[in-house]
């Protein structure tokens, strides 16, 4: 009685375990391999246990031996390798500003007692002295015009209006208005007339 009961319990547990494994195998994710995680695990374990996989495609590959090096008949006719141009020994190599400044300083120190020597370092700072007074005045005026926005030849900034908006119409250019001298004379006459008319009522 007790033995049959134990057999039934074990059989039931094995059935439940097999059913759960079957359900997990059917319902588990495949991760794009068309196989469940359990099937993929069993395949991987089987491939790992196998000593030599039965790969028929690998047996069809025929490996050819590598060819030997082609050596020229006349080895003396070979050209020498070109020297690297990216080195400081190259005379056309660009000199950085620090090395150039140091070289010019040493050259100036060596030519201290030479009256005909003029250092390029001193020439760099003497450009303002070589410019004439007329050119300096013109440069100052141009800078002031740019600062005040008094230019109408082209747009220099995004905030500037278009060039055609800065041009006066033809009728406005023809009519320049009353000259300043005539305005001044008219003001003086009006002031004098007002002064005479205002003092006429004074009895004394």
Protein backbone atom coordinates (compact mmCIF):
# COMPACT_ATOMS: atom_id res chain seq x y z
CA UNK A 1 0.00 0.00 0.00
CA UNK A 2 2.73 2.44 0.99
CA UNK A 3 4.92 1.37 -1.93
CA UNK A 4 2.23 2.00 -4.53
CA UNK A 5 1.59 5.38 -2.99
CA UNK A 6 5.24 6.35 -3.28
CA UNK A 7 5.28 5.26 -6.93
CA UNK A 8 2.22 7.36 -7.68
CA UNK A 9 3.72 10.43 -5.97
CA UNK A 10 6.99 10.09 -7.84
CA UNK A 11 5.19 9.55 -11.14
CA UNK A 12 3.06 12.64 -10.52
CA UNK A 13 6.11 14.75 -9.67
CA UNK A 14 7.95 13.58 -12.78
CA UNK A 15 4.88 14.38 -14.90
CA UNK A 16 4.61 17.86 -13.42
CA UNK A 17 8.32 18.46 -13.99
CA UNK A 18 8.14 17.29 -17.60
CA UNK A 19 5.04 19.37 -18.27
CA UNK A 20 6.65 22.48 -16.80
CA UNK A 21 9.75 21.93 -18.94
CA UNK A 22 7.58 21.45 -22.00
CA UNK A 23 5.63 24.62 -21.29
CA UNK A 24 8.77 26.65 -20.69
CA UNK A 25 10.22 25.28 -23.93
CA UNK A 26 7.13 26.26 -25.89
CA UNK A 27 6.44 29.60 -24.27
CA UNK A 28 9.98 30.86 -23.68
CA UNK A 29 11.62 33.56 -25.82
CA UNK A 30 13.58 32.52 -28.90
CA UNK A 31 15.81 35.61 -29.21
CA UNK A 32 15.62 35.48 -33.02
CA UNK A 33 17.08 31.95 -33.33
CA UNK A 34 13.75 30.09 -33.85
CA UNK A 35 14.72 28.00 -30.84
CA UNK A 36 13.77 28.31 -27.23
CA UNK A 37 16.38 28.96 -24.56
CA UNK A 38 16.33 25.31 -23.46
CA UNK A 39 16.78 23.96 -26.99
CA UNK A 40 19.61 26.37 -27.68
CA UNK A 41 21.28 25.37 -24.43
CA UNK A 42 21.06 21.68 -25.30
CA UNK A 43 22.48 22.34 -28.79
CA UNK A 44 25.37 24.32 -27.35
CA UNK A 45 26.16 21.62 -24.81
CA UNK A 46 25.99 18.96 -27.51
CA UNK A 47 28.38 20.89 -29.76
CA UNK A 48 30.75 21.41 -26.86
CA UNK A 49 30.79 17.67 -26.02
CA UNK A 50 31.40 16.59 -29.62
CA UNK A 51 35.10 16.16 -30.40
CA UNK A 52 34.90 16.99 -34.11
CA UNK A 53 31.76 18.47 -35.65
CA UNK A 54 30.51 16.94 -38.87
CA UNK A 55 31.01 19.95 -41.13
CA UNK A 56 30.86 18.88 -44.76
CA UNK A 57 31.41 22.39 -46.13
CA UNK A 58 34.71 22.68 -44.25
CA UNK A 59 36.00 19.52 -45.95
CA UNK A 60 35.38 20.99 -49.41
CA UNK A 61 37.76 23.94 -48.84
CA UNK A 62 41.15 23.48 -50.48
CA UNK A 63 43.90 25.67 -49.12
CA UNK A 64 46.59 26.65 -51.62
CA UNK A 65 50.15 27.30 -50.45
CA UNK A 66 51.27 30.92 -50.33
CA UNK A 67 53.41 32.04 -53.20
CA UNK A 68 57.03 32.93 -52.66
CA UNK A 69 58.40 36.48 -52.79
CA UNK A 70 59.22 37.92 -56.21
CA UNK A 71 62.86 38.93 -56.12
CA UNK A 72 64.26 41.10 -58.96
CA UNK A 73 67.18 39.80 -60.97
CA UNK A 74 69.32 42.93 -60.57
CA UNK A 75 69.24 43.98 -56.93
CA UNK A 76 71.61 46.91 -57.53
CA UNK A 77 69.08 48.65 -59.79
CA UNK A 78 66.63 49.17 -56.96
CA UNK A 79 65.93 52.77 -55.98
CA UNK A 80 66.85 53.94 -52.53
CA UNK A 81 63.93 54.63 -50.20
CA UNK A 82 62.86 58.26 -50.05
CA UNK A 83 63.86 60.16 -46.96
CA UNK A 84 61.09 61.34 -44.73
CA UNK A 85 60.19 64.98 -45.38
CA UNK A 86 58.40 65.36 -42.07
CA UNK A 87 61.48 66.10 -40.02
CA UNK A 88 63.22 69.20 -38.68
CA UNK A 89 66.26 68.49 -40.91
CA UNK A 90 64.20 69.39 -43.96
CA UNK A 91 65.04 73.02 -44.99
CA UNK A 92 61.43 73.57 -46.06
CA UNK A 93 60.09 72.56 -42.66
CA UNK A 94 57.90 75.29 -41.16
CA UNK A 95 59.36 77.06 -38.16
CA UNK A 96 57.09 77.62 -35.21
CA UNK A 97 56.77 81.19 -33.87
CA UNK A 98 58.60 80.47 -30.62
CA UNK A 99 61.70 79.09 -32.36
CA UNK A 100 61.66 81.93 -34.90
CA UNK A 101 61.48 84.56 -32.14
CA UNK A 102 64.32 82.90 -30.25
CA UNK A 103 66.45 82.71 -33.41
CA UNK A 104 65.85 86.38 -34.22
CA UNK A 105 66.76 87.38 -30.68
CA UNK A 106 70.03 85.48 -30.86
CA UNK A 107 70.72 87.03 -34.25
CA UNK A 108 70.02 90.52 -32.88
CA UNK A 109 72.32 89.90 -29.89
CA UNK A 110 75.07 88.73 -32.24
CA UNK A 111 74.72 91.90 -34.37
CA UNK A 112 74.62 94.37 -31.48
CA UNK A 113 77.66 96.33 -32.71
CA UNK A 114 76.62 96.17 -36.39
CA UNK A 115 75.12 99.56 -37.38
CA UNK A 116 73.74 98.29 -40.69
CA UNK A 117 71.76 95.43 -39.17
CA UNK A 118 68.00 95.90 -38.70
CA UNK A 119 66.12 93.23 -36.81
CA UNK A 120 62.80 91.97 -38.24
CA UNK A 121 61.41 92.12 -34.69
CA UNK A 122 61.87 95.91 -34.66
CA UNK A 123 60.32 96.20 -38.11
CA UNK A 124 57.16 94.48 -36.90
CA UNK A 125 56.40 97.31 -34.47
CA UNK A 126 57.38 100.17 -36.80
CA UNK A 127 54.48 99.89 -39.25
CA UNK A 128 52.58 102.74 -37.56
CA UNK A 129 55.53 105.08 -37.97
CA UNK A 130 55.83 104.35 -41.70
CA UNK A 131 52.20 105.28 -42.35
CA UNK A 132 51.75 108.90 -43.35
CA UNK A 133 49.55 111.47 -41.63
CA UNK A 134 47.07 111.58 -44.53
CA UNK A 135 46.55 107.82 -44.52
CA UNK A 136 46.16 107.82 -40.73
CA UNK A 137 43.53 110.57 -40.97
CA UNK A 138 41.67 108.68 -43.66
CA UNK A 139 41.79 105.46 -41.64
CA UNK A 140 40.44 107.33 -38.61
CA UNK A 141 37.58 108.80 -40.65
CA UNK A 142 36.69 105.43 -42.09
CA UNK A 143 36.67 103.90 -38.62
CA UNK A 144 34.43 106.70 -37.32
CA UNK A 145 32.04 106.25 -40.26
CA UNK A 146 31.86 102.55 -39.52
CA UNK A 147 31.27 103.22 -35.82
CA UNK A 148 28.49 105.75 -36.48
CA UNK A 149 26.93 103.74 -39.30
CA UNK A 150 27.41 106.61 -41.78
CA UNK A 151 28.04 104.44 -44.84
CA UNK A 152 25.71 103.60 -47.69
CA UNK A 153 27.86 101.64 -50.14
CA UNK A 154 27.11 98.16 -48.78
CA UNK A 155 25.76 96.27 -45.80
CA UNK A 156 28.43 95.41 -43.27
CA UNK A 157 26.27 94.03 -40.44
CA UNK A 158 23.05 92.06 -40.28
CA UNK A 159 21.37 94.92 -38.43
CA UNK A 160 22.02 97.33 -41.32
CA UNK A 161 19.00 98.09 -43.55
CA UNK A 162 19.21 97.19 -47.24
CA UNK A 163 21.19 99.56 -49.44
CA UNK A 164 18.16 100.63 -51.49
CA UNK A 165 16.42 101.81 -48.30
CA UNK A 166 19.27 104.25 -47.63
CA UNK A 167 19.03 106.03 -50.98
CA UNK A 168 17.01 109.23 -51.20
CA UNK A 169 14.33 109.50 -53.88
CA UNK A 170 15.07 111.69 -56.88
CA UNK A 171 12.56 114.39 -55.93
CA UNK A 172 14.09 114.64 -52.46
CA UNK A 173 17.57 114.99 -53.95
CA UNK A 174 16.38 117.79 -56.26
CA UNK A 175 14.68 119.74 -53.43
CA UNK A 176 17.47 120.52 -50.99
CA UNK A 177 15.38 122.99 -49.01
CA UNK A 178 16.18 126.52 -47.90
CA UNK A 179 19.89 127.31 -47.49
CA UNK A 180 21.16 127.93 -44.00
CA UNK A 181 22.29 131.51 -44.79
CA UNK A 182 18.79 132.48 -45.89
CA UNK A 183 17.35 130.85 -42.77
CA UNK A 184 19.71 132.86 -40.58
CA UNK A 185 18.84 136.13 -42.33
CA UNK A 186 15.12 135.42 -42.02
CA UNK A 187 15.45 134.67 -38.32
CA UNK A 188 17.31 137.92 -37.72
CA UNK A 189 14.68 139.95 -39.60
CA UNK A 190 11.83 138.28 -37.70
CA UNK A 191 13.60 138.87 -34.37
CA UNK A 192 14.25 142.50 -35.21
CA UNK A 193 10.63 143.06 -36.31
CA UNK A 194 9.34 141.41 -33.15
CA UNK A 195 11.58 143.58 -31.02
CA UNK A 196 10.38 146.78 -32.71
CA UNK A 197 6.72 145.83 -32.48
CA UNK A 198 7.09 144.88 -28.82
CA UNK A 199 8.71 148.19 -27.83
CA UNK A 200 6.14 150.44 -29.59
CA UNK A 201 3.65 150.32 -26.68
CA UNK A 202 6.30 151.38 -24.12
CA UNK A 203 5.58 155.10 -23.37
CA UNK A 204 9.11 156.14 -22.42
